[in-house]
C-alpha atoms as a PDB file:
ATOM      1  CA  MET A   1      -1.763 -17.010 -18.103  1.00  0.00           C
ATOM      2  CA  ALA A   2      -4.365 -17.526 -15.369  1.00  0.00           C
ATOM      3  CA  GLU A   3      -3.132 -18.410 -12.091  1.00  0.00           C
ATOM      4  CA  GLU A   4      -2.712 -22.066 -10.889  1.00  0.00           C
ATOM      5  CA  ARG A   5      -5.274 -23.146  -8.496  1.00  0.00           C
ATOM      6  CA  THR A   6      -3.807 -24.981  -5.189  1.00  0.00           C
ATOM      7  CA  THR A   7      -5.149 -27.101  -2.484  1.00  0.00           C
ATOM      8  CA  GLU A   8      -2.135 -26.250  -0.088  1.00  0.00           C
ATOM      9  CA  GLY A   9      -2.529 -23.649   2.836  1.00  0.00           C
ATOM     10  CA  TYR A  10      -1.300 -20.434   3.002  1.00  0.00           C
ATOM     11  CA  ARG A  11       2.194 -19.736   1.868  1.00  0.00           C
ATOM     12  CA  ILE A  12       4.250 -16.578   2.729  1.00  0.00           C
ATOM     13  CA  GLY A  13       6.686 -17.509  -0.037  1.00  0.00           C
ATOM     14  CA  ARG A  14       4.058 -17.911  -2.701  1.00  0.00           C
ATOM     15  CA  VAL A  15       2.520 -14.595  -1.651  1.00  0.00           C
ATOM     16  CA  PHE A  16       5.508 -12.752  -1.940  1.00  0.00           C
ATOM     17  CA  SER A  17       6.640 -14.490  -5.256  1.00  0.00           C
ATOM     18  CA  ASN A  18       3.223 -13.772  -6.865  1.00  0.00           C
ATOM     19  CA  SER A  19       3.422 -10.270  -5.608  1.00  0.00           C
ATOM     20  CA  LEU A  20       6.797  -9.453  -7.265  1.00  0.00           C
ATOM     21  CA  LYS A  21       5.429 -11.069 -10.399  1.00  0.00           C
ATOM     22  CA  VAL A  22       2.660  -8.957 -10.825  1.00  0.00           C
ATOM     23  CA  LEU A  23       4.397  -5.858 -10.003  1.00  0.00           C
ATOM     24  CA  ARG A  24       7.401  -6.923 -12.361  1.00  0.00           C
ATOM     25  CA  SER A  25       4.849  -7.798 -15.369  1.00  0.00           C
ATOM     26  CA  ASN A  26       3.041  -4.330 -14.756  1.00  0.00           C
ATOM     27  CA  PHE A  27       5.854  -2.388 -13.604  1.00  0.00           C
ATOM     28  CA  LEU A  28       5.510   0.679 -15.833  1.00  0.00           C
ATOM     29  CA  PRO A  29       1.787   1.082 -15.610  1.00  0.00           C
ATOM     30  CA  PHE A  30       1.577   0.254 -11.853  1.00  0.00           C
ATOM     31  CA  MET A  31       4.511   2.820 -11.179  1.00  0.00           C
ATOM     32  CA  GLY A  32       3.027   5.577 -13.304  1.00  0.00           C
ATOM     33  CA  LEU A  33      -0.040   5.008 -11.270  1.00  0.00           C
ATOM     34  CA  SER A  34       1.509   5.031  -7.999  1.00  0.00           C
ATOM     35  CA  LEU A  35       3.535   8.337  -8.942  1.00  0.00           C
ATOM     36  CA  LEU A  36       0.376   9.981  -9.960  1.00  0.00           C
ATOM     37  CA  ILE A  37      -1.904   8.800  -7.271  1.00  0.00           C
ATOM     38  CA  MET A  38       0.801   9.691  -4.454  1.00  0.00           C
ATOM     39  CA  SER A  39       2.212  12.688  -6.236  1.00  0.00           C
ATOM     40  CA  PRO A  40       0.300  15.040  -3.564  1.00  0.00           C
ATOM     41  CA  GLN A  41       2.141  13.186  -0.793  1.00  0.00           C
ATOM     42  CA  PHE A  42       5.338  13.519  -2.607  1.00  0.00           C
ATOM     43  CA  LEU A  43       5.025  17.305  -2.908  1.00  0.00           C
ATOM     44  CA  VAL A  44       4.200  17.683   0.870  1.00  0.00           C
ATOM     45  CA  SER A  45       7.151  15.814   1.597  1.00  0.00           C
ATOM     46  CA  TYR A  46       9.367  18.114  -0.563  1.00  0.00           C
ATOM     47  CA  ALA A  47       7.897  21.033   0.975  1.00  0.00           C
ATOM     48  CA  LEU A  48       8.411  19.781   4.475  1.00  0.00           C
ATOM     49  CA  SER A  49      12.079  19.062   3.768  1.00  0.00           C
ATOM     50  CA  ARG A  50      12.488  22.574   2.230  1.00  0.00           C
ATOM     51  CA  SER A  51      11.049  24.174   5.330  1.00  0.00           C
ATOM     52  CA  THR A  52      13.357  22.133   7.697  1.00  0.00           C
ATOM     53  CA  LEU A  53      16.284  22.939   5.750  1.00  0.00           C
ATOM     54  CA  ALA A  54      15.351  26.758   5.534  1.00  0.00           C
ATOM     55  CA  ASP A  55      14.942  26.901   9.271  1.00  0.00           C
ATOM     56  CA  PRO A  56      16.132  23.678  10.909  1.00  0.00           C
ATOM     57  CA  ALA A  57      15.248  25.119  14.807  1.00  0.00           C
ATOM     58  CA  GLY A  58      11.761  25.987  13.615  1.00  0.00           C
ATOM     59  CA  MET A  59       8.439  24.290  13.377  1.00  0.00           C
ATOM     60  CA  PRO A  60       6.999  23.351   9.772  1.00  0.00           C
ATOM     61  CA  SER A  61       3.735  24.745   8.935  1.00  0.00           C
ATOM     62  CA  PRO A  62       0.880  23.144  10.777  1.00  0.00           C
ATOM     63  CA  MET A  63      -1.032  22.765   7.625  1.00  0.00           C
ATOM     64  CA  LEU A  64       1.958  20.733   5.981  1.00  0.00           C
ATOM     65  CA  LEU A  65       2.037  18.597   9.352  1.00  0.00           C
ATOM     66  CA  VAL A  66      -1.665  17.742   9.077  1.00  0.00           C
ATOM     67  CA  LEU A  67      -1.520  16.893   5.262  1.00  0.00           C
ATOM     68  CA  SER A  68       1.564  14.663   5.871  1.00  0.00           C
ATOM     69  CA  VAL A  69      -0.482  12.578   8.265  1.00  0.00           C
ATOM     70  CA  ILE A  70      -3.898  12.731   6.288  1.00  0.00           C
ATOM     71  CA  LEU A  71      -2.748  12.400   2.798  1.00  0.00           C
ATOM     72  CA  PRO A  72      -0.993   8.871   3.006  1.00  0.00           C
ATOM     73  CA  LEU A  73      -4.206   7.499   4.481  1.00  0.00           C
ATOM     74  CA  LEU A  74      -6.320   8.715   1.809  1.00  0.00           C
ATOM     75  CA  LEU A  75      -3.945   8.130  -1.250  1.00  0.00           C
ATOM     76  CA  THR A  76      -2.671   4.715  -0.360  1.00  0.00           C
ATOM     77  CA  GLY A  77      -6.414   3.497  -0.062  1.00  0.00           C
ATOM     78  CA  LEU A  78      -6.940   4.652  -3.581  1.00  0.00           C
ATOM     79  CA  LEU A  79      -3.782   3.190  -4.824  1.00  0.00           C
ATOM     80  CA  THR A  80      -4.728  -0.086  -3.111  1.00  0.00           C
ATOM     81  CA  ALA A  81      -8.274  -0.048  -4.698  1.00  0.00           C
ATOM     82  CA  THR A  82      -7.002   0.731  -8.257  1.00  0.00           C
ATOM     83  CA  LEU A  83      -3.877  -1.747  -8.261  1.00  0.00           C
ATOM     84  CA  CYS A  84      -6.285  -4.402  -6.624  1.00  0.00           C
ATOM     85  CA  HIS A  85      -8.338  -4.304  -9.746  1.00  0.00           C
ATOM     86  CA  GLY A  86      -5.218  -4.496 -11.976  1.00  0.00           C
ATOM     87  CA  THR A  87      -3.425  -7.147  -9.729  1.00  0.00           C
ATOM     88  CA  PHE A  88      -6.822  -9.460 -10.217  1.00  0.00           C
ATOM     89  CA  GLN A  89      -6.895  -8.846 -13.974  1.00  0.00           C
ATOM     90  CA  HIS A  90      -3.269 -10.087 -14.000  1.00  0.00           C
ATOM     91  CA  LEU A  91      -3.881 -13.032 -11.823  1.00  0.00           C
ATOM     92  CA  SER A  92      -6.927 -14.216 -14.088  1.00  0.00           C
ATOM     93  CA  GLY A  93      -5.118 -14.011 -16.923  1.00  0.00           C
ATOM     94  CA  GLN A  94      -6.508 -10.794 -18.741  1.00  0.00           C
ATOM     95  CA  ARG A  95      -5.121  -7.752 -20.051  1.00  0.00           C
ATOM     96  CA  VAL A  96      -4.353  -5.095 -17.319  1.00  0.00           C
ATOM     97  CA  SER A  97      -6.347  -2.168 -18.250  1.00  0.00           C
ATOM     98  CA  MET A  98      -5.072   0.967 -16.369  1.00  0.00           C
ATOM     99  CA  GLY A  99      -8.089   2.922 -17.343  1.00  0.00           C
ATOM    100  CA  ASP A 100     -10.310   0.158 -15.866  1.00  0.00           C
ATOM    101  CA  SER A 101      -8.357   0.039 -12.772  1.00  0.00           C
ATOM    102  CA  VAL A 102      -8.673   3.859 -12.213  1.00  0.00           C
ATOM    103  CA  ARG A 103     -12.384   3.775 -12.914  1.00  0.00           C
ATOM    104  CA  THR A 104     -12.826   0.899 -10.531  1.00  0.00           C
ATOM    105  CA  GLY A 105     -10.641   2.850  -7.929  1.00  0.00           C
ATOM    106  CA  LEU A 106     -12.674   6.014  -8.084  1.00  0.00           C
ATOM    107  CA  ARG A 107     -16.115   4.185  -8.132  1.00  0.00           C
ATOM    108  CA  VAL A 108     -15.482   2.656  -4.908  1.00  0.00           C
ATOM    109  CA  LEU A 109     -13.165   5.669  -3.594  1.00  0.00           C
ATOM    110  CA  PRO A 110     -15.804   6.824  -0.539  1.00  0.00           C
ATOM    111  CA  VAL A 111     -15.829   3.486   1.081  1.00  0.00           C
ATOM    112  CA  VAL A 112     -12.170   2.680   0.467  1.00  0.00           C
ATOM    113  CA  ILE A 113     -11.447   6.068   2.093  1.00  0.00           C
ATOM    114  CA  ALA A 114     -13.461   5.289   5.113  1.00  0.00           C
ATOM    115  CA  VAL A 115     -12.275   1.698   5.496  1.00  0.00           C
ATOM    116  CA  SER A 116      -8.518   3.209   5.134  1.00  0.00           C
ATOM    117  CA  LEU A 117      -9.270   5.726   7.867  1.00  0.00           C
ATOM    118  CA  LEU A 118     -10.835   3.431  10.232  1.00  0.00           C
ATOM    119  CA  TYR A 119      -8.197   1.022   9.738  1.00  0.00           C
ATOM    120  CA  SER A 120      -5.194   3.242  10.297  1.00  0.00           C
ATOM    121  CA  LEU A 121      -7.204   4.739  13.428  1.00  0.00           C
ATOM    122  CA  ALA A 122      -7.787   1.378  14.731  1.00  0.00           C
ATOM    123  CA  THR A 123      -4.379   0.011  14.188  1.00  0.00           C
ATOM    124  CA  MET A 124      -2.760   3.229  15.700  1.00  0.00           C
ATOM    125  CA  GLY A 125      -5.218   2.933  18.670  1.00  0.00           C
ATOM    126  CA  GLY A 126      -4.122  -0.633  19.525  1.00  0.00           C
ATOM    127  CA  ALA A 127      -0.324   0.430  19.001  1.00  0.00           C
ATOM    128  CA  LEU A 128      -0.961   3.443  21.625  1.00  0.00           C
ATOM    129  CA  LEU A 129      -2.483   0.897  24.075  1.00  0.00           C
ATOM    130  CA  LEU A 130       0.320  -1.496  23.777  1.00  0.00           C
ATOM    131  CA  LEU A 131       2.468  -2.785  20.661  1.00  0.00           C
ATOM    132  CA  VAL A 132       0.940  -6.150  20.401  1.00  0.00           C
ATOM    133  CA  PRO A 133      -2.859  -4.896  20.120  1.00  0.00           C
ATOM    134  CA  GLY A 134      -2.005  -2.746  17.342  1.00  0.00           C
ATOM    135  CA  LEU A 135      -0.254  -5.605  15.157  1.00  0.00           C
ATOM    136  CA  ILE A 136      -3.151  -7.848  15.805  1.00  0.00           C
ATOM    137  CA  VAL A 137      -5.554  -5.059  14.682  1.00  0.00           C
ATOM    138  CA  MET A 138      -3.397  -4.393  11.685  1.00  0.00           C
ATOM    139  CA  THR A 139      -3.160  -8.180  10.989  1.00  0.00           C
ATOM    140  CA  MET A 140      -6.801  -9.000  11.467  1.00  0.00           C
ATOM    141  CA  PHE A 141      -7.962  -6.157   9.034  1.00  0.00           C
ATOM    142  CA  VAL A 142      -5.265  -6.163   6.607  1.00  0.00           C
ATOM    143  CA  VAL A 143      -7.433  -7.177   3.711  1.00  0.00           C
ATOM    144  CA  SER A 144     -10.508  -5.073   4.485  1.00  0.00           C
ATOM    145  CA  VAL A 145      -9.721  -2.699   1.552  1.00  0.00           C
ATOM    146  CA  PRO A 146      -9.393  -5.646  -1.110  1.00  0.00           C
ATOM    147  CA  ALA A 147     -12.789  -6.886   0.380  1.00  0.00           C
ATOM    148  CA  ALA A 148     -14.359  -3.608  -0.017  1.00  0.00           C
ATOM    149  CA  VAL A 149     -13.170  -3.497  -3.667  1.00  0.00           C
ATOM    150  CA  ILE A 150     -14.092  -6.774  -4.836  1.00  0.00           C
ATOM    151  CA  GLU A 151     -17.068  -7.789  -2.596  1.00  0.00           C
ATOM    152  CA  ARG A 152     -18.464  -4.150  -1.906  1.00  0.00           C
ATOM    153  CA  PRO A 153     -20.022  -5.401   1.460  1.00  0.00           C
ATOM    154  CA  GLY A 154     -20.007  -1.857   3.011  1.00  0.00           C
ATOM    155  CA  VAL A 155     -17.305  -0.249   5.260  1.00  0.00           C
ATOM    156  CA  PHE A 156     -18.002  -2.344   8.381  1.00  0.00           C
ATOM    157  CA  ARG A 157     -18.745  -5.903   6.596  1.00  0.00           C
ATOM    158  CA  SER A 158     -15.578  -5.364   4.873  1.00  0.00           C
ATOM    159  CA  PHE A 159     -13.767  -5.481   8.138  1.00  0.00           C
ATOM    160  CA  ALA A 160     -15.720  -8.686   9.076  1.00  0.00           C
ATOM    161  CA  ARG A 161     -14.724 -10.290   6.104  1.00  0.00           C
ATOM    162  CA  SER A 162     -11.310  -9.389   6.641  1.00  0.00           C
ATOM    163  CA  ARG A 163     -11.400 -10.716  10.113  1.00  0.00           C
ATOM    164  CA  ILE A 164     -13.126 -14.124   8.698  1.00  0.00           C
ATOM    165  CA  LEU A 165     -10.555 -14.402   5.979  1.00  0.00           C
ATOM    166  CA  THR A 166      -7.484 -14.120   8.082  1.00  0.00           C
ATOM    167  CA  LYS A 167      -8.635 -16.179  10.788  1.00  0.00           C
ATOM    168  CA  GLY A 168      -6.221 -19.156  11.422  1.00  0.00           C
ATOM    169  CA  ASP A 169      -3.653 -17.751   9.241  1.00  0.00           C
ATOM    170  CA  ARG A 170      -2.995 -14.573  11.207  1.00  0.00           C
ATOM    171  CA  TRP A 171       0.752 -15.574  12.109  1.00  0.00           C
ATOM    172  CA  LYS A 172       1.449 -16.135   8.436  1.00  0.00           C
ATOM    173  CA  VAL A 173      -0.314 -13.030   7.239  1.00  0.00           C
ATOM    174  CA  PHE A 174       1.360 -11.047   9.951  1.00  0.00           C
ATOM    175  CA  GLY A 175       4.702 -12.656   8.741  1.00  0.00           C
ATOM    176  CA  THR A 176       4.172 -11.790   5.107  1.00  0.00           C
ATOM    177  CA  TYR A 177       3.260  -8.154   6.131  1.00  0.00           C
ATOM    178  CA  LEU A 178       6.150  -7.756   8.565  1.00  0.00           C
ATOM    179  CA  LEU A 179       8.721  -8.661   5.813  1.00  0.00           C
ATOM    180  CA  PHE A 180       7.286  -5.887   3.438  1.00  0.00           C
ATOM    181  CA  ILE A 181       7.196  -3.342   6.540  1.00  0.00           C
ATOM    182  CA  LEU A 182      10.955  -4.327   7.355  1.00  0.00           C
ATOM    183  CA  LEU A 183      11.888  -3.770   3.668  1.00  0.00           C
ATOM    184  CA  SER A 184      10.126  -0.333   3.610  1.00  0.00           C
ATOM    185  CA  ILE A 185      12.173   0.597   6.680  1.00  0.00           C
ATOM    186  CA  VAL A 186      15.353  -0.334   5.079  1.00  0.00           C
ATOM    187  CA  VAL A 187      14.706   1.403   1.961  1.00  0.00           C
ATOM    188  CA  GLY A 188      13.559   4.398   4.170  1.00  0.00           C
ATOM    189  CA  LEU A 189      16.927   4.343   6.072  1.00  0.00           C
ATOM    190  CA  LEU A 190      18.824   4.132   2.939  1.00  0.00           C
ATOM    191  CA  ILE A 191      17.040   7.118   1.445  1.00  0.00           C
ATOM    192  CA  GLY A 192      17.528   8.984   4.707  1.00  0.00           C
ATOM    193  CA  PHE A 193      21.322   8.354   4.733  1.00  0.00           C
ATOM    194  CA  VAL A 194      21.824   9.293   1.055  1.00  0.00           C
ATOM    195  CA  ILE A 195      19.697  12.704   1.517  1.00  0.00           C
ATOM    196  CA  GLY A 196      21.498  13.300   4.755  1.00  0.00           C
ATOM    197  CA  PHE A 197      24.841  12.883   3.340  1.00  0.00           C
ATOM    198  CA  GLY A 198      24.119  15.021   0.435  1.00  0.00           C
ATOM    199  CA  LEU A 199      22.958  17.796   2.939  1.00  0.00           C
ATOM    200  CA  GLY A 200      26.229  17.901   4.499  1.00  0.00           C
ATOM    201  CA  THR A 201      27.781  19.482   1.370  1.00  0.00           C
ATOM    202  CA  ALA A 202      28.211  23.150   0.902  1.00  0.00           C
ATOM    203  CA  PRO A 203      25.165  25.262   1.771  1.00  0.00           C
ATOM    204  CA  GLN A 204      24.831  26.672  -1.869  1.00  0.00           C
ATOM    205  CA  ASP A 205      24.295  23.170  -2.987  1.00  0.00           C
ATOM    206  CA  GLN A 206      21.688  21.956  -0.336  1.00  0.00           C
ATOM    207  CA  GLY A 207      18.638  23.218  -2.270  1.00  0.00           C
ATOM    208  CA  VAL A 208      19.655  21.117  -5.285  1.00  0.00           C
ATOM    209  CA  ILE A 209      20.410  18.157  -3.064  1.00  0.00           C
ATOM    210  CA  ALA A 210      17.151  18.509  -1.462  1.00  0.00           C
ATOM    211  CA  LEU A 211      15.523  18.563  -4.716  1.00  0.00           C
ATOM    212  CA  ALA A 212      17.269  15.639  -6.095  1.00  0.00           C
ATOM    213  CA  GLY A 213      16.951  13.638  -2.701  1.00  0.00           C
ATOM    214  CA  SER A 214      13.055  14.263  -2.944  1.00  0.00           C
ATOM    215  CA  LEU A 215      12.624  12.877  -6.577  1.00  0.00           C
ATOM    216  CA  ILE A 216      14.659   9.846  -5.509  1.00  0.00           C
ATOM    217  CA  GLU A 217      12.421   9.430  -2.457  1.00  0.00           C
ATOM    218  CA  SER A 218       9.571   9.840  -4.644  1.00  0.00           C
ATOM    219  CA  VAL A 219      10.339   7.180  -6.947  1.00  0.00           C
ATOM    220  CA  VAL A 220      11.577   4.804  -4.422  1.00  0.00           C
ATOM    221  CA  ASN A 221       8.625   5.272  -2.343  1.00  0.00           C
ATOM    222  CA  ALA A 222       6.310   4.907  -5.507  1.00  0.00           C
ATOM    223  CA  VAL A 223       7.768   1.290  -5.868  1.00  0.00           C
ATOM    224  CA  VAL A 224       7.422   0.582  -2.250  1.00  0.00           C
ATOM    225  CA  TYR A 225       3.669   1.849  -2.270  1.00  0.00           C
ATOM    226  CA  ALA A 226       2.992  -0.107  -5.335  1.00  0.00           C
ATOM    227  CA  LEU A 227       4.379  -3.164  -3.927  1.00  0.00           C
ATOM    228  CA  GLY A 228       2.272  -2.715  -0.784  1.00  0.00           C
ATOM    229  CA  ALA A 229      -0.755  -2.249  -2.574  1.00  0.00           C
ATOM    230  CA  VAL A 230      -0.165  -5.385  -4.840  1.00  0.00           C
ATOM    231  CA  LEU A 231       0.872  -7.464  -1.802  1.00  0.00           C
ATOM    232  CA  VAL A 232      -2.440  -6.429  -0.078  1.00  0.00           C
ATOM    233  CA  ALA A 233      -4.348  -7.626  -3.025  1.00  0.00           C
ATOM    234  CA  VAL A 234      -2.371 -10.966  -3.467  1.00  0.00           C
ATOM    235  CA  ILE A 235      -2.649 -11.740   0.358  1.00  0.00           C
ATOM    236  CA  TYR A 236      -6.725 -11.322  -0.074  1.00  0.00           C
ATOM    237  CA  ASN A 237      -6.484 -13.638  -3.352  1.00  0.00           C
ATOM    238  CA  GLU A 238      -4.354 -16.288  -1.396  1.00  0.00           C
ATOM    239  CA  LEU A 239      -6.946 -16.396   1.540  1.00  0.00           C
ATOM    240  CA  ARG A 240      -9.873 -16.781  -0.772  1.00  0.00           C
ATOM    241  CA  ILE A 241      -8.089 -19.596  -2.570  1.00  0.00           C
ATOM    242  CA  VAL A 242      -7.189 -21.417   0.742  1.00  0.00           C
ATOM    243  CA  LYS A 243     -10.348 -20.754   2.522  1.00  0.00           C
ATOM    244  CA  GLU A 244     -12.968 -20.772   0.191  1.00  0.00           C
ATOM    245  CA  GLY A 245     -11.652 -22.481  -2.964  1.00  0.00           C
ATOM    246  CA  ALA A 246     -11.991 -19.461  -5.124  1.00  0.00           C
ATOM    247  CA  THR A 247      -9.972 -18.964  -8.135  1.00  0.00           C
ATOM    248  CA  ALA A 248      -8.520 -15.523  -9.186  1.00  0.00           C
ATOM    249  CA  GLU A 249     -11.022 -15.744 -12.410  1.00  0.00           C
ATOM    250  CA  GLN A 250     -13.855 -16.036 -10.215  1.00  0.00           C
ATOM    251  CA  ILE A 251     -12.666 -13.083  -8.091  1.00  0.00           C
ATOM    252  CA  ALA A 252     -11.930 -10.839 -11.047  1.00  0.00           C
ATOM    253  CA  ALA A 253     -15.490 -11.862 -12.616  1.00  0.00           C
ATOM    254  CA  VAL A 254     -16.944  -9.086 -10.310  1.00  0.00           C
ATOM    255  CA  PHE A 255     -15.421  -6.448 -12.601  1.00  0.00           C
ATOM    256  CA  ASP A 256     -17.101  -7.834 -15.645  1.00  0.00           C
END
């Protein structure tokens, strides 16, 4: 069923509700894509945990450390682009095609990678100066990847579109994304507690615990990554509706 058009302003509750509905309705395919796309990051995380377990006082491989920073930036961009397509198919009442979503993600991959890297660097740069500038940058450009996927204006114009769309609603957009970040932190702490508790067992069991912990962490993080990708797409959809009077059908028509 196509999304109902609204004349109300941006609503945090509606954005979260729609995001959860999209993820729940497409849980298995979205989870499968999230696990597949993020699998290199999960493998690096497992390698890091094994390295730390083998030598708690030593430093992990520099290559692993670099990959642990770079891979999430690249892979979350691809995941967001892919699930953005699937999200708009769902919101417009179409059947979600994972094949079409993957092809769309790969088609815009170079631009999405550039946007994701610049977005991350700008956010981290702002955070290094002071926390507040980092949060402002994060909020202002939060829908730059969906803009790049849907409108395809190029790298820098994607940031311009995000700035225009978020203007006037940045506190609400920030509140939406803050809830997601807090949820991610809580999930991460719970996973860390479970794994840490397991590693306190007998040394001969720690390898098994580390593997089981990495598998659990991968599955839970796949859900978090998928929700984050869907949430960004739904924020973009909400802003297009309340700012420009667009509908999900009109937005999704770019994929036809």
